[in-house]
Amino acid sequence: MQATVLSHLLTTLVSLFAGLFVIRIRMRAGDRPTNLKKIIIPPLGMATGFAMFFVPAVRIPWEWGLAAFAAGAVLFAFPLIQTSKLHIVDGDIYIKRSKVFAFIIVALLLLRVGLHDVVEQYISLEQTAAVFFILAFGMLLPWRLAMTAQYLAARRTLNKSSANRKS
């Protein structure tokens, strides 16, 4: 029993530190111009995690996967999309930091940690990891697709203004 409590505490601490690390990276992202590669690489890199489903212990019913993806897309991606805006400064595209962005990320992290404990009571640890991976991917993919659309629109604006100056 004591080993389980220690394992749970360690897992929770690792999740919290990983979340705080992500917050730090996201908050610093607004200091440098962005590009399409910086926007699309995270979901592509994360997609490699679907290889975990080759392991039979990790497999979950399709319904669980769809529900987790939908929860990530609807409940978690929406606030991130609303608070992640791009803007143009001196011919470069930057991610504009919202004052509430860090609070949203912290709230999502705490909610995830809390939900993890509840879900883990009903399904195996491996299946819990699969469900939360799909939830996180469901959050990341729509958010990054929305940022890609914003980036492409900003790039078109820059190209038009550049063409107008040359005329």
Protein backbone atom coordinates (compact mmCIF):
# COMPACT_ATOMS: atom_id res chain seq x y z
CA MET A 1 0.00 0.00 0.00
CA GLN A 2 2.77 2.43 0.92
CA ALA A 3 4.53 1.79 -2.41
CA THR A 4 1.28 2.67 -4.22
CA VAL A 5 0.99 5.96 -2.35
CA LEU A 6 4.63 6.79 -3.12
CA SER A 7 4.14 5.88 -6.79
CA HIS A 8 1.00 8.03 -6.96
CA LEU A 9 2.78 10.98 -5.32
CA LEU A 10 5.74 10.66 -7.68
CA THR A 11 3.45 10.47 -10.72
CA THR A 12 1.52 13.54 -9.58
CA LEU A 13 4.72 15.52 -8.96
CA VAL A 14 6.13 14.58 -12.37
CA SER A 15 2.85 15.66 -14.01
CA LEU A 16 2.89 18.98 -12.16
CA PHE A 17 6.54 19.71 -13.01
CA ALA A 18 5.95 18.76 -16.66
CA GLY A 19 2.93 21.06 -16.72
CA LEU A 20 4.88 23.93 -15.18
CA PHE A 21 7.66 23.35 -17.70
CA VAL A 22 5.15 23.58 -20.55
CA ILE A 23 3.72 26.80 -19.06
CA ARG A 24 7.22 28.29 -18.88
CA ILE A 25 7.94 27.37 -22.50
CA ARG A 26 4.59 28.74 -23.70
CA MET A 27 5.01 32.01 -21.81
CA ARG A 28 8.51 32.52 -23.28
CA ALA A 29 7.28 31.70 -26.80
CA GLY A 30 5.92 35.23 -27.15
CA ASP A 31 9.41 36.70 -26.85
CA ARG A 32 10.52 35.41 -30.26
CA PRO A 33 8.84 35.38 -33.67
CA THR A 34 7.02 32.17 -34.54
CA ASN A 35 6.81 30.23 -37.75
CA LEU A 36 4.71 27.45 -39.19
CA LYS A 37 7.20 24.79 -38.15
CA LYS A 38 7.03 25.84 -34.48
CA ILE A 39 3.25 25.57 -34.62
CA ILE A 40 2.87 22.21 -36.36
CA ILE A 41 5.80 20.21 -34.93
CA PRO A 42 4.25 19.62 -31.44
CA PRO A 43 1.19 17.67 -32.66
CA LEU A 44 3.31 15.77 -35.19
CA GLY A 45 5.79 14.84 -32.48
CA MET A 46 3.05 13.91 -30.06
CA ALA A 47 1.35 11.73 -32.70
CA THR A 48 4.21 9.25 -32.36
CA GLY A 49 2.75 8.41 -28.95
CA PHE A 50 -0.03 6.50 -30.69
CA ALA A 51 2.54 3.72 -31.06
CA MET A 52 1.71 2.86 -27.43
CA PHE A 53 -1.43 1.16 -28.73
CA PHE A 54 0.71 -1.64 -30.17
CA VAL A 55 0.97 -2.86 -26.57
CA PRO A 56 -2.21 -4.85 -25.78
CA ALA A 57 -2.41 -3.65 -22.14
CA VAL A 58 -2.75 -0.05 -23.32
CA ARG A 59 -5.62 -0.62 -25.75
CA ILE A 60 -8.97 0.91 -24.89
CA PRO A 61 -12.42 0.72 -26.48
CA TRP A 62 -12.98 3.10 -29.41
CA GLU A 63 -15.76 4.83 -27.50
CA TRP A 64 -13.36 5.76 -24.69
CA GLY A 65 -10.87 7.13 -27.20
CA LEU A 66 -13.51 9.18 -29.00
CA ALA A 67 -14.87 10.51 -25.70
CA ALA A 68 -11.36 11.45 -24.51
CA PHE A 69 -10.54 13.17 -27.81
CA ALA A 70 -13.86 15.05 -27.77
CA ALA A 71 -13.33 16.14 -24.15
CA GLY A 72 -9.87 17.43 -25.03
CA ALA A 73 -11.14 19.22 -28.12
CA VAL A 74 -14.26 20.75 -26.61
CA LEU A 75 -13.40 21.37 -22.96
CA PHE A 76 -9.67 21.99 -23.06
CA ALA A 77 -8.77 23.27 -26.54
CA PHE A 78 -11.43 25.98 -26.60
CA PRO A 79 -9.93 28.16 -23.83
CA LEU A 80 -6.46 27.76 -25.36
CA ILE A 81 -7.74 28.79 -28.79
CA GLN A 82 -9.47 31.81 -27.28
CA THR A 83 -6.34 32.98 -25.46
CA SER A 84 -3.70 32.26 -28.12
CA LYS A 85 -3.63 35.04 -30.68
CA LEU A 86 -0.97 35.91 -33.21
CA HIS A 87 0.05 39.45 -34.11
CA ILE A 88 2.46 41.10 -36.49
CA VAL A 89 5.32 43.27 -35.22
CA ASP A 90 7.87 44.79 -37.61
CA GLY A 91 7.22 42.16 -40.27
CA ASP A 92 7.41 39.19 -37.89
CA ILE A 93 4.59 37.08 -36.45
CA TYR A 94 4.46 36.67 -32.67
CA ILE A 95 2.25 34.74 -30.32
CA LYS A 96 0.47 37.33 -28.19
CA ARG A 97 0.42 36.30 -24.56
CA SER A 98 -2.90 36.54 -22.84
CA LYS A 99 -2.89 37.47 -19.17
CA VAL A 100 -5.24 34.56 -18.43
CA PHE A 101 -3.29 31.97 -20.47
CA ALA A 102 -1.13 30.79 -17.53
CA PHE A 103 -4.17 30.56 -15.27
CA ILE A 104 -6.03 28.46 -17.85
CA ILE A 105 -3.06 26.12 -18.25
CA VAL A 106 -2.70 25.73 -14.46
CA ALA A 107 -6.44 25.08 -14.09
CA LEU A 108 -6.33 22.49 -16.88
CA LEU A 109 -3.30 20.84 -15.29
CA LEU A 110 -4.95 20.64 -11.87
CA LEU A 111 -8.16 19.32 -13.41
CA ARG A 112 -6.18 16.70 -15.32
CA VAL A 113 -4.32 15.57 -12.19
CA GLY A 114 -7.60 15.38 -10.25
CA LEU A 115 -9.40 13.48 -13.00
CA HIS A 116 -6.46 11.13 -13.37
CA ASP A 117 -6.98 9.93 -9.79
CA VAL A 118 -10.69 9.29 -10.40
CA VAL A 119 -10.24 7.48 -13.71
CA GLU A 120 -7.39 5.36 -12.36
CA GLN A 121 -9.80 3.82 -9.81
CA TYR A 122 -11.87 2.24 -12.60
CA ILE A 123 -9.39 1.24 -15.31
CA SER A 124 -5.79 0.01 -15.41
CA LEU A 125 -2.82 2.34 -15.17
CA GLU A 126 -1.93 1.63 -18.81
CA GLN A 127 -5.46 2.39 -19.99
CA THR A 128 -5.49 5.56 -17.88
CA ALA A 129 -2.32 6.67 -19.65
CA ALA A 130 -3.96 5.95 -23.02
CA VAL A 131 -7.12 7.90 -22.17
CA PHE A 132 -5.18 10.94 -20.96
CA PHE A 133 -2.81 10.80 -23.92
CA ILE A 134 -5.79 10.92 -26.29
CA LEU A 135 -7.37 13.71 -24.22
CA ALA A 136 -4.13 15.73 -24.44
CA PHE A 137 -3.90 15.09 -28.18
CA GLY A 138 -7.54 16.16 -28.52
CA MET A 139 -6.60 19.41 -26.80
CA LEU A 140 -3.38 20.02 -28.74
CA LEU A 141 -4.54 19.25 -32.28
CA PRO A 142 -7.48 21.72 -32.56
CA TRP A 143 -5.47 24.39 -30.75
CA ARG A 144 -2.55 24.06 -33.14
CA LEU A 145 -4.86 23.85 -36.17
CA ALA A 146 -6.46 27.13 -35.07
CA MET A 147 -3.00 28.67 -34.61
CA THR A 148 -2.00 27.40 -38.08
CA ALA A 149 -5.03 29.12 -39.60
CA GLN A 150 -4.15 32.34 -37.75
CA TYR A 151 -0.52 32.08 -38.86
CA LEU A 152 -1.45 31.57 -42.51
CA ALA A 153 -3.82 34.55 -42.36
CA ALA A 154 -1.09 36.70 -40.78
CA ARG A 155 1.40 35.52 -43.42
CA ARG A 156 -1.07 36.52 -46.19
CA THR A 157 -1.44 39.94 -44.56
CA LEU A 158 2.34 40.34 -44.48
CA ASN A 159 2.65 39.25 -48.11
CA LYS A 160 -0.05 41.72 -49.20
CA SER A 161 1.53 44.61 -47.31
CA SER A 162 4.95 43.68 -48.68
CA ALA A 163 3.55 43.60 -52.24
CA ASN A 164 1.83 46.98 -51.70
CA ARG A 165 5.09 48.57 -50.55
CA LYS A 166 6.93 47.30 -53.62
CA SER A 167 4.28 48.71 -55.99
